[in-house]
PDB file of all heavy atoms in Angstrom:
ATOM      1  N   ILE A   1      18.321  54.783 -31.291  1.00  0.00           N
ATOM      2  CA  ILE A   1      18.247  53.700 -30.314  1.00  0.00           C
ATOM      3  C   ILE A   1      18.693  52.356 -30.895  1.00  0.00           C
ATOM      4  O   ILE A   1      19.455  51.623 -30.267  1.00  0.00           O
ATOM      5  CB  ILE A   1      16.815  53.596 -29.750  1.00  0.00           C
ATOM      6  CG1 ILE A   1      16.518  54.829 -28.883  1.00  0.00           C
ATOM      7  CG2 ILE A   1      16.637  52.319 -28.924  1.00  0.00           C
ATOM      8  CD1 ILE A   1      15.139  54.867 -28.298  1.00  0.00           C
ATOM      9  N   ALA A   2      18.215  52.019 -32.089  1.00  0.00           N
ATOM     10  CA  ALA A   2      18.556  50.723 -32.677  1.00  0.00           C
ATOM     11  C   ALA A   2      20.068  50.579 -32.836  1.00  0.00           C
ATOM     12  O   ALA A   2      20.671  49.560 -32.445  1.00  0.00           O
ATOM     13  CB  ALA A   2      17.861  50.540 -34.022  1.00  0.00           C
ATOM     14  N   PHE A   3      20.704  51.591 -33.408  1.00  0.00           N
ATOM     15  CA  PHE A   3      22.166  51.572 -33.569  1.00  0.00           C
ATOM     16  C   PHE A   3      22.856  51.458 -32.213  1.00  0.00           C
ATOM     17  O   PHE A   3      23.841  50.728 -32.065  1.00  0.00           O
ATOM     18  CB  PHE A   3      22.625  52.854 -34.277  1.00  0.00           C
ATOM     19  CG  PHE A   3      24.122  53.013 -34.350  1.00  0.00           C
ATOM     20  CD1 PHE A   3      24.840  52.454 -35.388  1.00  0.00           C
ATOM     21  CD2 PHE A   3      24.810  53.715 -33.365  1.00  0.00           C
ATOM     22  CE1 PHE A   3      26.227  52.577 -35.451  1.00  0.00           C
ATOM     23  CE2 PHE A   3      26.191  53.846 -33.415  1.00  0.00           C
ATOM     24  CZ  PHE A   3      26.900  53.277 -34.461  1.00  0.00           C
ATOM     25  N   SER A   4      22.343  52.174 -31.218  1.00  0.00           N
ATOM     26  CA  SER A   4      22.956  52.187 -29.886  1.00  0.00           C
ATOM     27  C   SER A   4      22.904  50.813 -29.227  1.00  0.00           C
ATOM     28  O   SER A   4      23.877  50.370 -28.614  1.00  0.00           O
ATOM     29  CB  SER A   4      22.253  53.219 -29.009  1.00  0.00           C
ATOM     30  OG  SER A   4      22.414  54.525 -29.524  1.00  0.00           O
ATOM     31  N   ILE A   5      21.750  50.145 -29.340  1.00  0.00           N
ATOM     32  CA  ILE A   5      21.648  48.795 -28.775  1.00  0.00           C
ATOM     33  C   ILE A   5      22.640  47.861 -29.463  1.00  0.00           C
ATOM     34  O   ILE A   5      23.348  47.096 -28.802  1.00  0.00           O
ATOM     35  CB  ILE A   5      20.210  48.252 -28.893  1.00  0.00           C
ATOM     36  CG1 ILE A   5      19.236  49.111 -28.075  1.00  0.00           C
ATOM     37  CG2 ILE A   5      20.145  46.794 -28.438  1.00  0.00           C
ATOM     38  CD1 ILE A   5      17.775  48.733 -28.277  1.00  0.00           C
ATOM     39  N   ASN A   6      22.700  47.926 -30.778  1.00  0.00           N
ATOM     40  CA  ASN A   6      23.648  47.087 -31.523  1.00  0.00           C
ATOM     41  C   ASN A   6      25.086  47.348 -31.104  1.00  0.00           C
ATOM     42  O   ASN A   6      25.900  46.418 -30.958  1.00  0.00           O
ATOM     43  CB  ASN A   6      23.505  47.332 -33.023  1.00  0.00           C
ATOM     44  CG  ASN A   6      22.183  46.820 -33.595  1.00  0.00           C
ATOM     45  OD1 ASN A   6      21.505  46.019 -32.966  1.00  0.00           O
ATOM     46  ND2 ASN A   6      21.834  47.284 -34.775  1.00  0.00           N
ATOM     47  N   LEU A   7      25.410  48.613 -30.901  1.00  0.00           N
ATOM     48  CA  LEU A   7      26.766  48.989 -30.492  1.00  0.00           C
ATOM     49  C   LEU A   7      27.114  48.383 -29.139  1.00  0.00           C
ATOM     50  O   LEU A   7      28.211  47.835 -28.932  1.00  0.00           O
ATOM     51  CB  LEU A   7      26.896  50.520 -30.437  1.00  0.00           C
ATOM     52  CG  LEU A   7      28.243  51.068 -29.977  1.00  0.00           C
ATOM     53  CD1 LEU A   7      29.365  50.642 -30.928  1.00  0.00           C
ATOM     54  CD2 LEU A   7      28.187  52.592 -29.875  1.00  0.00           C
ATOM     55  N   ALA A   8      26.175  48.444 -28.212  1.00  0.00           N
ATOM     56  CA  ALA A   8      26.398  47.868 -26.882  1.00  0.00           C
ATOM     57  C   ALA A   8      26.575  46.357 -26.974  1.00  0.00           C
ATOM     58  O   ALA A   8      27.476  45.787 -26.323  1.00  0.00           O
ATOM     59  CB  ALA A   8      25.231  48.206 -25.971  1.00  0.00           C
ATOM     60  N   VAL A   9      25.751  45.704 -27.762  1.00  0.00           N
ATOM     61  CA  VAL A   9      25.818  44.241 -27.902  1.00  0.00           C
ATOM     62  C   VAL A   9      27.174  43.812 -28.446  1.00  0.00           C
ATOM     63  O   VAL A   9      27.752  42.818 -27.996  1.00  0.00           O
ATOM     64  CB  VAL A   9      24.684  43.742 -28.828  1.00  0.00           C
ATOM     65  CG1 VAL A   9      24.864  42.258 -29.166  1.00  0.00           C
ATOM     66  CG2 VAL A   9      23.321  43.965 -28.177  1.00  0.00           C
ATOM     67  N   LYS A  10      27.716  44.587 -29.381  1.00  0.00           N
ATOM     68  CA  LYS A  10      29.000  44.249 -29.967  1.00  0.00           C
ATOM     69  C   LYS A  10      30.173  44.528 -29.022  1.00  0.00           C
ATOM     70  O   LYS A  10      31.319  44.142 -29.312  1.00  0.00           O
ATOM     71  CB  LYS A  10      29.166  44.999 -31.287  1.00  0.00           C
ATOM     72  CG  LYS A  10      28.186  44.504 -32.365  1.00  0.00           C
ATOM     73  CD  LYS A  10      28.175  45.391 -33.585  1.00  0.00           C
ATOM     74  CE  LYS A  10      27.089  44.919 -34.572  1.00  0.00           C
ATOM     75  NZ  LYS A  10      26.966  45.795 -35.758  1.00  0.00           N
ATOM     76  N   ASN A  11      29.889  45.207 -27.907  1.00  0.00           N
ATOM     77  CA  ASN A  11      30.925  45.523 -26.950  1.00  0.00           C
ATOM     78  C   ASN A  11      30.797  44.729 -25.648  1.00  0.00           C
ATOM     79  O   ASN A  11      31.350  45.114 -24.623  1.00  0.00           O
ATOM     80  CB  ASN A  11      30.919  47.020 -26.632  1.00  0.00           C
ATOM     81  CG  ASN A  11      31.688  47.826 -27.672  1.00  0.00           C
ATOM     82  OD1 ASN A  11      32.880  48.019 -27.567  1.00  0.00           O
ATOM     83  ND2 ASN A  11      30.960  48.282 -28.700  1.00  0.00           N
ATOM     84  N   THR A  12      30.067  43.635 -25.704  1.00  0.00           N
ATOM     85  CA  THR A  12      29.972  42.751 -24.551  1.00  0.00           C
ATOM     86  C   THR A  12      29.999  41.289 -25.004  1.00  0.00           C
ATOM     87  O   THR A  12      29.601  40.982 -26.125  1.00  0.00           O
ATOM     88  CB  THR A  12      28.677  43.018 -23.742  1.00  0.00           C
ATOM     89  OG1 THR A  12      28.661  42.172 -22.590  1.00  0.00           O
ATOM     90  CG2 THR A  12      27.430  42.735 -24.586  1.00  0.00           C
ATOM     91  N   LYS A  13      30.468  40.427 -24.125  1.00  0.00           N
ATOM     92  CA  LYS A  13      30.476  38.998 -24.399  1.00  0.00           C
ATOM     93  C   LYS A  13      29.447  38.257 -23.546  1.00  0.00           C
ATOM     94  O   LYS A  13      29.435  37.023 -23.508  1.00  0.00           O
ATOM     95  CB  LYS A  13      31.867  38.418 -24.155  1.00  0.00           C
ATOM     96  CG  LYS A  13      32.928  38.976 -25.108  1.00  0.00           C
ATOM     97  CD  LYS A  13      34.294  38.365 -24.835  1.00  0.00           C
ATOM     98  CE  LYS A  13      35.336  38.925 -25.792  1.00  0.00           C
ATOM     99  NZ  LYS A  13      36.685  38.347 -25.546  1.00  0.00           N
ATOM    100  N   LYS A  14      28.610  38.994 -22.863  1.00  0.00           N
ATOM    101  CA  LYS A  14      27.631  38.383 -21.967  1.00  0.00           C
ATOM    102  C   LYS A  14      26.586  37.599 -22.751  1.00  0.00           C
ATOM    103  O   LYS A  14      26.260  37.921 -23.898  1.00  0.00           O
ATOM    104  CB  LYS A  14      26.939  39.460 -21.131  1.00  0.00           C
ATOM    105  CG  LYS A  14      27.879  40.285 -20.263  1.00  0.00           C
ATOM    106  CD  LYS A  14      28.564  39.451 -19.206  1.00  0.00           C
ATOM    107  CE  LYS A  14      29.415  40.308 -18.268  1.00  0.00           C
ATOM    108  NZ  LYS A  14      30.089  39.523 -17.235  1.00  0.00           N
ATOM    109  N   LYS A  15      26.037  36.593 -22.111  1.00  0.00           N
ATOM    110  CA  LYS A  15      25.044  35.719 -22.730  1.00  0.00           C
ATOM    111  C   LYS A  15      23.709  36.422 -22.914  1.00  0.00           C
ATOM    112  O   LYS A  15      23.072  36.305 -23.966  1.00  0.00           O
ATOM    113  CB  LYS A  15      24.855  34.471 -21.874  1.00  0.00           C
ATOM    114  CG  LYS A  15      23.782  33.501 -22.383  1.00  0.00           C
ATOM    115  CD  LYS A  15      23.673  32.303 -21.448  1.00  0.00           C
ATOM    116  CE  LYS A  15      22.593  31.332 -21.935  1.00  0.00           C
ATOM    117  NZ  LYS A  15      22.472  30.155 -21.031  1.00  0.00           N
ATOM    118  N   TYR A  16      23.293  37.161 -21.885  1.00  0.00           N
ATOM    119  CA  TYR A  16      21.995  37.826 -21.920  1.00  0.00           C
ATOM    120  C   TYR A  16      22.167  39.337 -22.076  1.00  0.00           C
ATOM    121  O   TYR A  16      23.034  39.947 -21.437  1.00  0.00           O
ATOM    122  CB  TYR A  16      21.203  37.557 -20.637  1.00  0.00           C
ATOM    123  CG  TYR A  16      20.783  36.134 -20.459  1.00  0.00           C
ATOM    124  CD1 TYR A  16      21.316  35.352 -19.438  1.00  0.00           C
ATOM    125  CD2 TYR A  16      19.826  35.551 -21.301  1.00  0.00           C
ATOM    126  CE1 TYR A  16      20.915  34.033 -19.255  1.00  0.00           C
ATOM    127  CE2 TYR A  16      19.442  34.228 -21.139  1.00  0.00           C
ATOM    128  CZ  TYR A  16      19.978  33.475 -20.118  1.00  0.00           C
ATOM    129  OH  TYR A  16      19.599  32.174 -19.941  1.00  0.00           O
ATOM    130  N   ILE A  17      21.330  39.914 -22.905  1.00  0.00           N
ATOM    131  CA  ILE A  17      21.274  41.362 -23.102  1.00  0.00           C
ATOM    132  C   ILE A  17      19.905  41.835 -22.613  1.00  0.00           C
ATOM    133  O   ILE A  17      18.881  41.329 -23.071  1.00  0.00           O
ATOM    134  CB  ILE A  17      21.428  41.760 -24.584  1.00  0.00           C
ATOM    135  CG1 ILE A  17      22.706  41.157 -25.185  1.00  0.00           C
ATOM    136  CG2 ILE A  17      21.375  43.272 -24.741  1.00  0.00           C
ATOM    137  CD1 ILE A  17      23.984  41.665 -24.578  1.00  0.00           C
ATOM    138  N   MET A  18      19.916  42.771 -21.678  1.00  0.00           N
ATOM    139  CA  MET A  18      18.645  43.336 -21.209  1.00  0.00           C
ATOM    140  C   MET A  18      18.633  44.838 -21.498  1.00  0.00           C
ATOM    141  O   MET A  18      19.382  45.598 -20.866  1.00  0.00           O
ATOM    142  CB  MET A  18      18.413  43.083 -19.722  1.00  0.00           C
ATOM    143  CG  MET A  18      17.079  43.648 -19.220  1.00  0.00           C
ATOM    144  SD  MET A  18      16.778  43.359 -17.457  1.00  0.00           S
ATOM    145  CE  MET A  18      16.440  41.594 -17.478  1.00  0.00           C
ATOM    146  N   TYR A  19      17.805  45.241 -22.435  1.00  0.00           N
ATOM    147  CA  TYR A  19      17.654  46.672 -22.710  1.00  0.00           C
ATOM    148  C   TYR A  19      16.637  47.252 -21.736  1.00  0.00           C
ATOM    149  O   TYR A  19      15.531  46.700 -21.555  1.00  0.00           O
ATOM    150  CB  TYR A  19      17.200  46.917 -24.144  1.00  0.00           C
ATOM    151  CG  TYR A  19      16.781  48.359 -24.367  1.00  0.00           C
ATOM    152  CD1 TYR A  19      17.736  49.360 -24.483  1.00  0.00           C
ATOM    153  CD2 TYR A  19      15.431  48.720 -24.402  1.00  0.00           C
ATOM    154  CE1 TYR A  19      17.366  50.686 -24.644  1.00  0.00           C
ATOM    155  CE2 TYR A  19      15.053  50.045 -24.560  1.00  0.00           C
ATOM    156  CZ  TYR A  19      16.029  51.015 -24.676  1.00  0.00           C
ATOM    157  OH  TYR A  19      15.657  52.335 -24.821  1.00  0.00           O
ATOM    158  N   LEU A  20      16.991  48.373 -21.111  1.00  0.00           N
ATOM    159  CA  LEU A  20      16.091  49.084 -20.219  1.00  0.00           C
ATOM    160  C   LEU A  20      15.963  50.534 -20.657  1.00  0.00           C
ATOM    161  O   LEU A  20      16.981  51.229 -20.791  1.00  0.00           O
ATOM    162  CB  LEU A  20      16.607  49.058 -18.769  1.00  0.00           C
ATOM    163  CG  LEU A  20      16.728  47.704 -18.069  1.00  0.00           C
ATOM    164  CD1 LEU A  20      17.276  47.910 -16.654  1.00  0.00           C
ATOM    165  CD2 LEU A  20      15.386  46.998 -18.006  1.00  0.00           C
ATOM    166  N   ALA A  21      14.744  50.994 -20.918  1.00  0.00           N
ATOM    167  CA  ALA A  21      14.527  52.414 -21.106  1.00  0.00           C
ATOM    168  C   ALA A  21      14.779  53.108 -19.769  1.00  0.00           C
ATOM    169  O   ALA A  21      14.383  52.601 -18.711  1.00  0.00           O
ATOM    170  CB  ALA A  21      13.096  52.673 -21.581  1.00  0.00           C
ATOM    171  N   SER A  22      15.422  54.241 -19.792  1.00  0.00           N
ATOM    172  CA  SER A  22      15.850  54.874 -18.545  1.00  0.00           C
ATOM    173  C   SER A  22      14.686  55.421 -17.721  1.00  0.00           C
ATOM    174  O   SER A  22      14.846  55.703 -16.529  1.00  0.00           O
ATOM    175  CB  SER A  22      16.853  55.993 -18.834  1.00  0.00           C
ATOM    176  OG  SER A  22      16.281  56.952 -19.690  1.00  0.00           O
ATOM    177  N   ASP A  23      13.507  55.575 -18.333  1.00  0.00           N
ATOM    178  CA  ASP A  23      12.333  56.041 -17.573  1.00  0.00           C
ATOM    179  C   ASP A  23      11.428  54.875 -17.168  1.00  0.00           C
ATOM    180  O   ASP A  23      10.218  55.026 -17.034  1.00  0.00           O
ATOM    181  CB  ASP A  23      11.551  57.092 -18.363  1.00  0.00           C
ATOM    182  CG  ASP A  23      11.154  56.628 -19.762  1.00  0.00           C
ATOM    183  OD1 ASP A  23      11.570  55.522 -20.166  1.00  0.00           O
ATOM    184  OD2 ASP A  23      10.427  57.365 -20.453  1.00  0.00           O
ATOM    185  N   THR A  24      12.043  53.716 -16.979  1.00  0.00           N
ATOM    186  CA  THR A  24      11.347  52.514 -16.544  1.00  0.00           C
ATOM    187  C   THR A  24      11.630  52.259 -15.065  1.00  0.00           C
ATOM    188  O   THR A  24      12.758  52.388 -14.622  1.00  0.00           O
ATOM    189  CB  THR A  24      11.793  51.292 -17.378  1.00  0.00           C
ATOM    190  OG1 THR A  24      11.477  51.513 -18.738  1.00  0.00           O
ATOM    191  CG2 THR A  24      11.103  50.032 -16.897  1.00  0.00           C
ATOM    192  N   ASN A  25      10.619  51.874 -14.344  1.00  0.00           N
ATOM    193  CA  ASN A  25      10.780  51.561 -12.920  1.00  0.00           C
ATOM    194  C   ASN A  25      10.813  50.057 -12.751  1.00  0.00           C
ATOM    195  O   ASN A  25       9.791  49.386 -12.805  1.00  0.00           O
ATOM    196  CB  ASN A  25       9.611  52.170 -12.132  1.00  0.00           C
ATOM    197  CG  ASN A  25       9.783  52.042 -10.626  1.00  0.00           C
ATOM    198  OD1 ASN A  25      10.784  51.496 -10.160  1.00  0.00           O
ATOM    199  ND2 ASN A  25       8.828  52.543  -9.881  1.00  0.00           N
ATOM    200  N   ILE A  26      12.012  49.510 -12.557  1.00  0.00           N
ATOM    201  CA  ILE A  26      12.163  48.059 -12.410  1.00  0.00           C
ATOM    202  C   ILE A  26      13.102  47.773 -11.246  1.00  0.00           C
ATOM    203  O   ILE A  26      14.089  48.482 -11.031  1.00  0.00           O
ATOM    204  CB  ILE A  26      12.688  47.404 -13.710  1.00  0.00           C
ATOM    205  CG1 ILE A  26      12.612  45.872 -13.619  1.00  0.00           C
ATOM    206  CG2 ILE A  26      14.078  47.893 -14.078  1.00  0.00           C
ATOM    207  CD1 ILE A  26      12.840  45.174 -14.962  1.00  0.00           C
ATOM    208  N   ARG A  27      12.791  46.748 -10.476  1.00  0.00           N
ATOM    209  CA  ARG A  27      13.586  46.384  -9.304  1.00  0.00           C
ATOM    210  C   ARG A  27      14.514  45.207  -9.631  1.00  0.00           C
ATOM    211  O   ARG A  27      14.280  44.459 -10.576  1.00  0.00           O
ATOM    212  CB  ARG A  27      12.671  45.998  -8.132  1.00  0.00           C
ATOM    213  CG  ARG A  27      11.716  47.094  -7.715  1.00  0.00           C
ATOM    214  CD  ARG A  27      10.942  46.700  -6.470  1.00  0.00           C
ATOM    215  NE  ARG A  27      10.192  45.474  -6.646  1.00  0.00           N
ATOM    216  CZ  ARG A  27       8.964  45.405  -7.148  1.00  0.00           C
ATOM    217  NH1 ARG A  27       8.357  46.513  -7.559  1.00  0.00           N
ATOM    218  NH2 ARG A  27       8.341  44.243  -7.273  1.00  0.00           N
ATOM    219  N   ASN A  28      15.561  45.063  -8.825  1.00  0.00           N
ATOM    220  CA  ASN A  28      16.503  43.946  -9.020  1.00  0.00           C
ATOM    221  C   ASN A  28      15.811  42.593  -8.892  1.00  0.00           C
ATOM    222  O   ASN A  28      16.138  41.649  -9.618  1.00  0.00           O
ATOM    223  CB  ASN A  28      17.652  44.035  -8.001  1.00  0.00           C
ATOM    224  CG  ASN A  28      18.623  45.151  -8.335  1.00  0.00           C
ATOM    225  OD1 ASN A  28      19.161  45.203  -9.429  1.00  0.00           O
ATOM    226  ND2 ASN A  28      18.854  46.041  -7.391  1.00  0.00           N
ATOM    227  N   SER A  29      14.843  42.490  -7.993  1.00  0.00           N
ATOM    228  CA  SER A  29      14.116  41.230  -7.825  1.00  0.00           C
ATOM    229  C   SER A  29      13.342  40.882  -9.094  1.00  0.00           C
ATOM    230  O   SER A  29      13.202  39.698  -9.440  1.00  0.00           O
ATOM    231  CB  SER A  29      13.151  41.329  -6.643  1.00  0.00           C
ATOM    232  OG  SER A  29      12.223  42.398  -6.823  1.00  0.00           O
ATOM    233  N   GLN A  30      12.868  41.893  -9.812  1.00  0.00           N
ATOM    234  CA  GLN A  30      12.153  41.648 -11.070  1.00  0.00           C
ATOM    235  C   GLN A  30      13.117  41.242 -12.178  1.00  0.00           C
ATOM    236  O   GLN A  30      12.787  40.388 -13.010  1.00  0.00           O
ATOM    237  CB  GLN A  30      11.363  42.901 -11.479  1.00  0.00           C
ATOM    238  CG  GLN A  30      10.237  43.230 -10.515  1.00  0.00           C
ATOM    239  CD  GLN A  30       9.564  44.533 -10.850  1.00  0.00           C
ATOM    240  OE1 GLN A  30      10.202  45.552 -11.050  1.00  0.00           O
ATOM    241  NE2 GLN A  30       8.229  44.504 -10.930  1.00  0.00           N
ATOM    242  N   ILE A  31      14.295  41.827 -12.180  1.00  0.00           N
ATOM    243  CA  ILE A  31      15.320  41.432 -13.138  1.00  0.00           C
ATOM    244  C   ILE A  31      15.697  39.969 -12.929  1.00  0.00           C
ATOM    245  O   ILE A  31      15.859  39.196 -13.882  1.00  0.00           O
ATOM    246  CB  ILE A  31      16.559  42.344 -13.016  1.00  0.00           C
ATOM    247  CG1 ILE A  31      16.200  43.764 -13.470  1.00  0.00           C
ATOM    248  CG2 ILE A  31      17.724  41.805 -13.845  1.00  0.00           C
ATOM    249  CD1 ILE A  31      17.293  44.779 -13.249  1.00  0.00           C
ATOM    250  N   ILE A  32      15.805  39.563 -11.666  1.00  0.00           N
ATOM    251  CA  ILE A  32      16.120  38.169 -11.343  1.00  0.00           C
ATOM    252  C   ILE A  32      15.040  37.238 -11.878  1.00  0.00           C
ATOM    253  O   ILE A  32      15.342  36.177 -12.452  1.00  0.00           O
ATOM    254  CB  ILE A  32      16.302  37.997  -9.820  1.00  0.00           C
ATOM    255  CG1 ILE A  32      17.589  38.688  -9.372  1.00  0.00           C
ATOM    256  CG2 ILE A  32      16.338  36.520  -9.440  1.00  0.00           C
ATOM    257  CD1 ILE A  32      17.758  38.748  -7.867  1.00  0.00           C
TER     258      ILE A  32
END
């Protein structure tokens, strides 16, 4: 997981990085 997050971060120029575990229940309104 740690390597994977780092790999994703190095492949984006976005200001914010939000890691989500795939078995998490989160809504778009909560992300906002």
